[in-house]
Amino acid sequence: MMAKFLIIALLTCNYQQIAQGARARRIDNEDLYPSPRIVILGSVGVGKSSLANVLVGRDKNYNGRKFNNGCFKVSTGLDSITKRTCPDQGHWLGNSSNTRFTIIDTPGFGDQLLEEEKTIENLVTTLRDEIKYVHVFIIAFKQTDNRMTNSLRSMISLFEKMFGRSFWDNAILEATHWNHGEDAERIRGDSDPPITREFWTSEFNRILKAEYNLKTDLESIFIDTFHHPDDPHEKRVFQNETSKLLDYASSRQPFECKDIEIALTEIRQLQNKIDNLIDEERDKKNIIQKLTMERNELKEMMERNGLTTARPHSDAIRDTSVYCSHNKCYTTTEFVLLGLGAVIGGVMVGVVGISWFKYSCLPNEKDELDREGHMSHQNSLMKASRDIPDSKHLIENEYSDELWHKSRERMPPLPPPTETDF
């Protein structure tokens, strides 16, 4: 059993040595930039330089005298001091017994991304050509950055364009200016909802998933660079959060920067479109002005020489007449008259059709009334015959009188008497 355990241990050690050797062979600039390598990204004034100084064991308010272009220099204003991407190396938290690592300070991005193209170009070339491999991208936000502003959205979109979507696998969130003192925690707890570390992390992950279609949540750290070292609670939280960052950096596969591209910001793309529209408008104005000048020159020439426009040629009129004779050109009046004639004709056809239908298909109203009156009269006589004994005789006489009258109506009239008749 012990022999089997030793074999497994040896295989594990050999595997780790092989893996470390493969990583060492792949990262060929460890002497200049020891691993892990940490890049801090964020907006202007978020506290990137402060965090970088604290991680290498310098004072949080370091003035950057050792570096050029404002690298690692802390500013109390909102203007970005760091103008270039600057790497530095040292022991973790300044303790010589801790591992060595590389920290990269970057310029702050804000609302003036149009003016920061040089800093963007320097960031890309430094990471791609010098650093070459990055283990962690720290995306720093202030504690009060609880919503995605336009500047933050443009900044993160820029990172995704430069690094590609795979950089999210090496990204971690940092909440700066997060005071771990009792009063600060009480104030955050009294908010509605309470602002806890879990709530802050879930909110930012929700925003990033909605904006950038992330599939997994990002981890977060809450390193307070202005903590009180004499406060046991704040010191313990600081040690825990920095250890969490180091463990995360050591567990990441390095991100290779060879495919990083110099990307245009969304603001620059919009500005380019605006510039193109302005150029098009200017060209059209020049064309209009040129045509106006030509028209005025021609008008002056005609007035000076007494020229007028020529009358229409008779051939053109003849051609128009031939065309209209073949294609039935009508005036507005002719169209109106044609429409009225069509309406009147339609009404007349409708009246004739209704009359024909009435006299051909419907029964004669007068005959119907006579028939109904005759039937009513017969019914009344039949009723009377039941009440009066001699009614049958009366009915017969009345019926015979009626027949006699009808026969008289059908007989032709007699000629007038003459003298011979007497």
Protein backbone atom coordinates (compact mmCIF):
# COMPACT_ATOMS: atom_id res chain seq x y z
CA MET A 1 0.00 0.00 0.00
CA MET A 2 2.84 2.36 0.92
CA ALA A 3 4.65 1.55 -2.33
CA LYS A 4 1.54 2.35 -4.34
CA PHE A 5 1.19 5.68 -2.53
CA LEU A 6 4.82 6.55 -3.24
CA ILE A 7 4.38 5.75 -6.93
CA ILE A 8 1.33 8.02 -7.12
CA ALA A 9 3.18 10.82 -5.31
CA LEU A 10 6.15 10.51 -7.65
CA LEU A 11 3.89 10.58 -10.70
CA THR A 12 2.12 13.65 -9.33
CA CYS A 13 5.39 15.46 -8.67
CA ASN A 14 6.69 14.56 -12.12
CA TYR A 15 3.46 15.82 -13.69
CA GLN A 16 3.70 19.11 -11.81
CA GLN A 17 7.34 19.51 -12.81
CA ILE A 18 6.47 18.77 -16.43
CA ALA A 19 3.61 21.29 -16.33
CA GLN A 20 5.79 23.93 -14.70
CA GLY A 21 8.55 23.23 -17.20
CA ALA A 22 6.13 23.59 -20.10
CA ARG A 23 4.89 26.89 -18.69
CA ALA A 24 8.44 28.09 -18.12
CA ARG A 25 9.37 27.20 -21.68
CA ARG A 26 6.33 28.96 -23.05
CA ILE A 27 6.87 32.14 -20.99
CA ASP A 28 10.39 33.05 -22.05
CA ASN A 29 10.67 36.45 -20.31
CA GLU A 30 10.26 35.43 -16.68
CA ASP A 31 13.51 37.16 -15.75
CA LEU A 32 12.04 40.53 -16.77
CA TYR A 33 8.45 39.97 -15.72
CA PRO A 34 8.07 37.24 -13.09
CA SER A 35 4.74 35.47 -12.88
CA PRO A 36 2.02 35.94 -11.98
CA ARG A 37 1.43 39.08 -14.04
CA ILE A 38 -1.41 41.36 -13.04
CA VAL A 39 -2.87 44.20 -15.16
CA ILE A 40 -5.10 46.80 -13.51
CA LEU A 41 -7.75 48.38 -15.74
CA GLY A 42 -10.31 51.03 -14.84
CA SER A 43 -11.67 54.53 -15.19
CA VAL A 44 -9.96 57.78 -14.27
CA GLY A 45 -9.66 58.28 -10.50
CA VAL A 46 -10.77 54.79 -9.55
CA GLY A 47 -7.55 54.10 -7.60
CA LYS A 48 -5.51 51.83 -9.91
CA SER A 49 -2.12 53.34 -9.02
CA SER A 50 -2.91 53.18 -5.29
CA LEU A 51 -3.76 49.48 -5.58
CA ALA A 52 -0.62 48.75 -7.61
CA ASN A 53 1.61 50.48 -5.05
CA VAL A 54 0.07 48.65 -2.11
CA LEU A 55 0.45 45.24 -3.78
CA VAL A 56 4.23 45.76 -4.20
CA GLY A 57 4.56 47.12 -0.66
CA ARG A 58 4.83 50.84 -1.42
CA ASP A 59 2.86 53.59 0.26
CA LYS A 60 -0.64 54.10 -1.10
CA ASN A 61 0.20 57.77 -1.79
CA TYR A 62 3.45 57.07 -3.63
CA ASN A 63 4.47 60.02 -5.83
CA GLY A 64 5.94 57.92 -8.66
CA ARG A 65 9.36 59.60 -8.57
CA LYS A 66 11.01 56.40 -9.78
CA PHE A 67 8.92 56.26 -12.97
CA ASN A 68 8.23 58.49 -15.96
CA ASN A 69 4.96 59.63 -17.51
CA GLY A 70 3.14 59.56 -14.19
CA CYS A 71 3.29 55.79 -13.75
CA PHE A 72 2.32 54.62 -10.24
CA LYS A 73 1.80 58.24 -9.20
CA VAL A 74 -1.29 58.75 -7.04
CA SER A 75 -3.44 61.82 -7.70
CA THR A 76 -6.20 63.26 -5.56
CA GLY A 77 -7.92 64.87 -8.56
CA LEU A 78 -10.00 63.42 -11.37
CA ASP A 79 -7.36 63.87 -14.07
CA SER A 80 -5.36 60.82 -15.08
CA ILE A 81 -1.70 61.08 -14.00
CA THR A 82 -0.68 57.76 -15.57
CA LYS A 83 -0.19 58.41 -19.29
CA ARG A 84 1.57 55.20 -20.29
CA THR A 85 1.40 51.50 -19.52
CA CYS A 86 4.15 50.75 -16.97
CA PRO A 87 5.20 47.35 -15.59
CA ASP A 88 6.92 46.91 -12.25
CA GLN A 89 7.98 43.86 -10.28
CA GLY A 90 8.51 43.04 -6.61
CA HIS A 91 7.60 40.74 -3.76
CA TRP A 92 3.97 40.33 -2.85
CA LEU A 93 2.98 43.10 -0.40
CA GLY A 94 6.67 44.05 -0.16
CA ASN A 95 7.51 40.98 1.94
CA SER A 96 10.76 39.41 0.70
CA SER A 97 9.55 36.00 1.88
CA ASN A 98 6.58 36.17 -0.49
CA THR A 99 6.58 35.28 -4.17
CA ARG A 100 7.73 37.74 -6.81
CA PHE A 101 5.20 38.99 -9.33
CA THR A 102 4.66 41.68 -11.98
CA ILE A 103 2.16 44.49 -11.67
CA ILE A 104 1.18 46.64 -14.70
CA ASP A 105 -0.29 50.09 -14.14
CA THR A 106 -2.38 51.47 -17.01
CA PRO A 107 -3.83 54.89 -17.94
CA GLY A 108 -7.31 55.71 -16.74
CA PHE A 109 -10.13 55.74 -19.26
CA GLY A 110 -12.94 58.26 -18.97
CA ASP A 111 -15.24 60.44 -21.06
CA GLN A 112 -12.34 61.74 -23.20
CA LEU A 113 -11.57 58.50 -24.99
CA LEU A 114 -11.19 60.48 -28.23
CA GLU A 115 -8.06 62.09 -26.83
CA GLU A 116 -6.66 58.84 -25.43
CA GLU A 117 -5.83 56.98 -28.62
CA LYS A 118 -2.10 57.31 -27.98
CA THR A 119 -2.50 55.77 -24.53
CA ILE A 120 -4.60 52.97 -26.01
CA GLU A 121 -1.92 52.30 -28.61
CA ASN A 122 0.77 52.25 -25.91
CA LEU A 123 -1.28 49.87 -23.77
CA VAL A 124 -1.65 47.40 -26.63
CA THR A 125 1.96 47.50 -27.78
CA THR A 126 3.32 47.15 -24.23
CA LEU A 127 1.18 44.12 -23.40
CA ARG A 128 1.60 42.49 -26.79
CA ASP A 129 5.30 43.10 -27.45
CA GLU A 130 6.81 43.33 -23.94
CA ILE A 131 4.64 41.63 -21.32
CA LYS A 132 3.34 38.97 -23.76
CA TYR A 133 1.45 36.99 -21.07
CA VAL A 134 -1.07 38.14 -18.45
CA HIS A 135 -2.52 36.02 -15.65
CA VAL A 136 -5.12 38.44 -14.27
CA PHE A 137 -6.97 41.48 -15.59
CA ILE A 138 -8.27 43.41 -12.58
CA ILE A 139 -11.25 45.53 -13.66
CA ALA A 140 -11.51 48.15 -10.93
CA PHE A 141 -14.76 49.94 -10.06
CA LYS A 142 -15.55 52.33 -7.28
CA GLN A 143 -17.93 51.15 -4.60
CA THR A 144 -20.37 53.83 -5.76
CA ASP A 145 -20.28 52.57 -9.37
CA ASN A 146 -23.50 50.63 -8.97
CA ARG A 147 -24.71 51.21 -12.53
CA MET A 148 -23.27 50.98 -16.02
CA THR A 149 -22.56 54.53 -17.20
CA ASN A 150 -21.72 55.38 -20.81
CA SER A 151 -18.04 55.83 -19.97
CA LEU A 152 -17.87 52.44 -18.21
CA ARG A 153 -19.73 50.74 -21.04
CA SER A 154 -17.41 52.27 -23.64
CA MET A 155 -14.34 51.35 -21.59
CA ILE A 156 -15.30 47.68 -21.14
CA SER A 157 -16.34 47.43 -24.80
CA LEU A 158 -12.89 48.73 -25.68
CA PHE A 159 -11.22 46.05 -23.51
CA GLU A 160 -13.29 43.33 -25.17
CA LYS A 161 -12.38 44.62 -28.64
CA MET A 162 -8.67 44.78 -27.82
CA PHE A 163 -8.28 41.53 -25.89
CA GLY A 164 -11.11 39.43 -27.33
CA ARG A 165 -13.80 37.56 -25.42
CA SER A 166 -11.32 35.07 -23.97
CA PHE A 167 -9.88 37.76 -21.67
CA TRP A 168 -12.98 37.35 -19.46
CA ASP A 169 -11.55 33.99 -18.35
CA ASN A 170 -8.70 35.89 -16.66
CA ALA A 171 -10.74 38.86 -15.37
CA ILE A 172 -11.68 39.64 -11.77
CA LEU A 173 -13.69 42.52 -10.28
CA GLU A 174 -12.21 44.90 -7.69
CA ALA A 175 -14.31 47.30 -5.58
CA THR A 176 -12.10 50.23 -4.64
CA HIS A 177 -12.79 52.68 -1.80
CA TRP A 178 -14.60 49.89 0.05
CA ASN A 179 -14.06 50.72 3.70
CA HIS A 180 -14.30 47.72 6.00
CA GLY A 181 -14.69 49.76 9.18
CA GLU A 182 -17.68 49.26 11.45
CA ASP A 183 -19.28 52.62 10.60
CA ALA A 184 -18.93 52.05 6.83
CA GLU A 185 -20.40 48.56 7.08
CA ARG A 186 -23.30 49.90 9.17
CA ILE A 187 -24.04 52.60 6.58
CA ARG A 188 -23.99 50.06 3.74
CA GLY A 189 -26.19 47.73 5.80
CA ASP A 190 -28.78 50.46 6.33
CA SER A 191 -29.21 50.90 2.57
CA ASP A 192 -32.24 49.46 0.80
CA PRO A 193 -31.29 46.84 -0.24
CA PRO A 194 -28.23 46.38 1.99
CA ILE A 195 -24.99 46.81 0.03
CA THR A 196 -23.00 43.73 0.92
CA ARG A 197 -20.05 42.23 -0.92
CA GLU A 198 -22.31 39.47 -2.24
CA PHE A 199 -24.93 41.97 -3.44
CA TRP A 200 -22.32 44.18 -5.17
CA THR A 201 -20.78 41.18 -6.93
CA SER A 202 -24.14 39.80 -8.09
CA GLU A 203 -25.27 43.21 -9.40
CA PHE A 204 -22.14 43.75 -11.47
CA ASN A 205 -22.27 40.21 -12.82
CA ARG A 206 -25.92 40.75 -13.77
CA ILE A 207 -24.99 43.96 -15.62
CA LEU A 208 -22.02 42.38 -17.40
CA LYS A 209 -24.07 39.35 -18.44
CA ALA A 210 -26.77 41.60 -19.87
CA GLU A 211 -24.32 43.92 -21.64
CA TYR A 212 -21.66 41.46 -22.83
CA ASN A 213 -23.43 38.09 -22.81
CA LEU A 214 -21.10 36.49 -20.26
CA LYS A 215 -21.79 32.85 -19.48
CA THR A 216 -20.20 32.62 -16.01
CA ASP A 217 -19.94 34.97 -13.04
CA LEU A 218 -16.71 36.81 -12.36
CA GLU A 219 -15.06 36.58 -8.95
CA SER A 220 -14.56 39.77 -6.95
CA ILE A 221 -12.11 41.20 -4.42
CA PHE A 222 -12.51 44.10 -1.98
CA ILE A 223 -8.99 45.39 -1.28
CA ASP A 224 -9.12 48.65 0.66
CA THR A 225 -5.83 50.45 0.00
CA PHE A 226 -6.69 53.01 2.71
CA HIS A 227 -7.37 50.50 5.47
CA HIS A 228 -6.09 51.09 9.01
CA PRO A 229 -3.23 48.64 9.73
CA ASP A 230 -3.78 49.10 13.47
CA ASP A 231 -7.40 47.93 13.25
CA PRO A 232 -7.39 44.10 13.64
CA HIS A 233 -10.61 43.64 11.66
CA GLU A 234 -9.56 45.83 8.73
CA LYS A 235 -6.09 44.31 8.68
CA ARG A 236 -7.53 40.77 8.64
CA VAL A 237 -9.91 41.60 5.79
CA PHE A 238 -7.04 43.19 3.84
CA GLN A 239 -4.90 40.07 4.25
CA ASN A 240 -7.77 37.81 3.21
CA GLU A 241 -8.64 39.83 0.08
CA THR A 242 -5.04 40.15 -1.11
CA SER A 243 -4.49 36.42 -0.55
CA LYS A 244 -7.60 35.73 -2.59
CA LEU A 245 -6.15 37.78 -5.45
CA LEU A 246 -2.79 35.98 -5.32
CA ASP A 247 -4.48 32.56 -5.25
CA TYR A 248 -6.63 33.53 -8.21
CA ALA A 249 -3.62 34.78 -10.20
CA SER A 250 -1.63 31.62 -9.45
CA SER A 251 -4.49 29.38 -10.62
CA ARG A 252 -5.04 31.07 -14.00
CA GLN A 253 -3.61 29.86 -17.28
CA PRO A 254 -1.71 32.81 -18.77
CA PHE A 255 -3.50 34.88 -21.38
CA GLU A 256 -1.30 35.27 -24.47
CA CYS A 257 -1.31 38.84 -25.73
CA LYS A 258 -0.10 38.18 -29.28
CA ASP A 259 -3.57 38.70 -30.78
CA ILE A 260 -4.30 41.99 -29.06
CA GLU A 261 -5.35 44.65 -31.56
CA ILE A 262 -5.47 48.42 -31.41
CA ALA A 263 -9.22 48.91 -31.42
CA LEU A 264 -11.13 52.11 -32.03
CA THR A 265 -13.47 53.14 -29.28
CA GLU A 266 -17.19 53.48 -29.90
CA ILE A 267 -16.84 57.22 -29.43
CA ARG A 268 -14.17 57.35 -32.14
CA GLN A 269 -16.34 55.30 -34.50
CA LEU A 270 -19.26 57.67 -33.95
CA GLN A 271 -16.95 60.64 -34.41
CA ASN A 272 -15.71 59.20 -37.70
CA LYS A 273 -19.31 58.87 -38.91
CA ILE A 274 -20.01 62.47 -37.90
CA ASP A 275 -16.87 63.63 -39.71
CA ASN A 276 -17.96 61.79 -42.86
CA LEU A 277 -21.42 63.37 -42.71
CA ILE A 278 -19.88 66.81 -42.24
CA ASP A 279 -17.66 66.26 -45.28
CA GLU A 280 -20.65 65.16 -47.38
CA GLU A 281 -22.64 68.19 -46.29
CA ARG A 282 -19.76 70.51 -47.15
CA ASP A 283 -19.40 68.94 -50.62
CA LYS A 284 -23.12 69.33 -51.30
CA LYS A 285 -23.03 72.96 -50.21
CA ASN A 286 -20.15 73.59 -52.61
CA ILE A 287 -22.07 71.99 -55.46
CA ILE A 288 -25.17 74.07 -54.69
CA GLN A 289 -23.09 77.23 -54.54
CA LYS A 290 -21.42 76.44 -57.86
CA LEU A 291 -24.74 75.76 -59.59
CA THR A 292 -26.21 78.96 -58.17
CA MET A 293 -23.29 80.97 -59.52
CA GLU A 294 -23.68 79.41 -62.97
CA ARG A 295 -27.40 80.17 -62.99
CA ASN A 296 -26.77 83.81 -62.06
CA GLU A 297 -24.13 84.15 -64.78
CA LEU A 298 -26.48 82.74 -67.41
CA LYS A 299 -29.30 84.99 -66.23
CA GLU A 300 -27.08 88.08 -66.45
CA MET A 301 -25.90 87.07 -69.93
CA MET A 302 -29.50 86.68 -71.16
CA GLU A 303 -30.54 90.03 -69.71
CA ARG A 304 -27.46 91.77 -71.15
CA ASN A 305 -27.98 90.39 -74.67
CA GLY A 306 -31.77 90.58 -74.63
CA LEU A 307 -32.18 86.85 -75.08
CA THR A 308 -35.34 84.98 -74.25
CA THR A 309 -36.23 81.36 -74.22
CA ALA A 310 -37.33 79.97 -77.61
CA ARG A 311 -40.99 79.19 -78.29
CA PRO A 312 -41.97 75.54 -78.56
CA HIS A 313 -41.28 74.15 -81.99
CA SER A 314 -44.28 73.26 -84.16
CA ASP A 315 -42.83 69.82 -84.74
CA ALA A 316 -42.89 69.22 -81.00
CA ILE A 317 -46.54 70.27 -80.85
CA ARG A 318 -47.32 68.00 -83.79
CA ASP A 319 -45.52 65.14 -82.13
CA THR A 320 -47.53 65.71 -78.96
CA SER A 321 -50.79 65.67 -80.90
CA VAL A 322 -49.87 62.45 -82.64
CA TYR A 323 -48.91 60.90 -79.33
CA CYS A 324 -52.19 61.91 -77.68
CA SER A 325 -54.21 60.68 -80.63
CA HIS A 326 -52.69 57.25 -80.18
CA ASN A 327 -52.49 57.20 -76.40
CA LYS A 328 -55.74 59.07 -75.50
CA CYS A 329 -54.45 62.09 -73.62
CA TYR A 330 -57.38 63.64 -71.70
CA THR A 331 -57.69 66.93 -69.84
CA THR A 332 -59.08 67.26 -66.33
CA THR A 333 -62.43 68.59 -67.64
CA GLU A 334 -62.76 65.65 -70.00
CA PHE A 335 -62.10 63.24 -67.18
CA VAL A 336 -64.80 64.92 -65.02
CA LEU A 337 -67.39 64.85 -67.81
CA LEU A 338 -66.59 61.24 -68.56
CA GLY A 339 -67.13 60.36 -64.93
CA LEU A 340 -70.50 62.19 -64.74
CA GLY A 341 -71.67 60.48 -67.92
CA ALA A 342 -70.76 57.10 -66.48
CA VAL A 343 -72.70 57.85 -63.26
CA ILE A 344 -75.84 59.03 -65.13
CA GLY A 345 -75.74 56.04 -67.46
CA GLY A 346 -75.45 53.70 -64.51
CA VAL A 347 -78.46 55.27 -62.79
CA MET A 348 -80.62 54.95 -65.94
CA VAL A 349 -79.64 51.32 -66.45
CA GLY A 350 -80.53 50.63 -62.83
CA VAL A 351 -83.99 52.22 -63.13
CA VAL A 352 -84.81 50.29 -66.30
CA GLY A 353 -83.64 47.05 -64.76
CA ILE A 354 -85.72 47.54 -61.62
CA SER A 355 -88.84 48.37 -63.66
CA TRP A 356 -88.41 45.30 -65.84
CA PHE A 357 -87.94 43.08 -62.81
CA LYS A 358 -91.02 44.52 -61.13
CA TYR A 359 -93.40 44.01 -64.07
CA SER A 360 -91.95 40.68 -65.17
CA CYS A 361 -91.35 38.87 -61.92
CA LEU A 362 -93.67 40.44 -59.30
CA PRO A 363 -97.55 39.86 -59.29
CA ASN A 364 -100.03 42.65 -60.29
CA GLU A 365 -101.08 44.52 -57.16
CA LYS A 366 -104.54 45.53 -58.56
CA ASP A 367 -105.51 41.95 -59.47
CA GLU A 368 -104.40 40.79 -56.08
CA LEU A 369 -106.56 43.40 -54.36
CA ASP A 370 -109.63 42.48 -56.52
CA ARG A 371 -109.14 38.82 -55.78
CA GLU A 372 -108.85 39.43 -52.07
CA GLY A 373 -112.00 41.62 -52.11
CA HIS A 374 -113.97 38.98 -54.01
CA MET A 375 -112.93 36.25 -51.62
CA SER A 376 -113.84 38.42 -48.65
CA HIS A 377 -117.26 39.13 -50.14
CA GLN A 378 -117.96 35.45 -50.77
CA ASN A 379 -116.96 34.59 -47.23
CA SER A 380 -119.36 37.17 -45.86
CA LEU A 381 -122.21 35.77 -48.00
CA MET A 382 -121.51 32.23 -46.89
CA LYS A 383 -121.67 33.35 -43.31
CA ALA A 384 -124.96 35.11 -43.92
CA SER A 385 -126.46 31.95 -45.53
CA ARG A 386 -126.06 30.13 -42.29
CA ASP A 387 -128.02 32.79 -40.43
CA ILE A 388 -130.85 33.55 -42.97
CA PRO A 389 -132.97 30.66 -44.39
CA ASP A 390 -133.46 32.19 -47.80
CA SER A 391 -129.92 33.28 -48.03
CA LYS A 392 -129.15 30.60 -50.59
CA HIS A 393 -131.64 32.16 -52.93
CA LEU A 394 -130.27 35.58 -52.28
CA ILE A 395 -126.73 34.38 -52.89
CA GLU A 396 -127.77 32.74 -56.13
CA ASN A 397 -129.59 35.86 -57.27
CA GLU A 398 -126.70 38.07 -56.29
CA TYR A 399 -124.28 35.72 -58.01
CA SER A 400 -126.41 35.69 -61.17
CA ASP A 401 -126.59 39.49 -61.06
CA GLU A 402 -122.85 39.67 -60.74
CA LEU A 403 -122.42 37.35 -63.71
CA TRP A 404 -124.87 39.41 -65.72
CA HIS A 405 -122.97 42.61 -64.99
CA LYS A 406 -119.67 41.01 -65.90
CA SER A 407 -121.12 39.67 -69.14
CA ARG A 408 -122.42 43.12 -69.90
CA GLU A 409 -119.00 44.54 -69.33
CA ARG A 410 -117.51 42.06 -71.78
CA MET A 411 -120.26 42.61 -74.43
CA PRO A 412 -119.53 45.15 -77.12
CA PRO A 413 -121.59 48.32 -76.96
CA LEU A 414 -124.78 48.42 -79.05
CA PRO A 415 -124.87 50.79 -81.98
CA PRO A 416 -127.06 53.84 -81.61
CA PRO A 417 -130.70 53.44 -82.83
CA THR A 418 -131.58 54.56 -86.30
CA GLU A 419 -134.78 55.70 -87.89
CA THR A 420 -135.52 52.35 -89.43
CA ASP A 421 -135.60 50.76 -86.04
CA PHE A 422 -138.79 52.53 -85.22
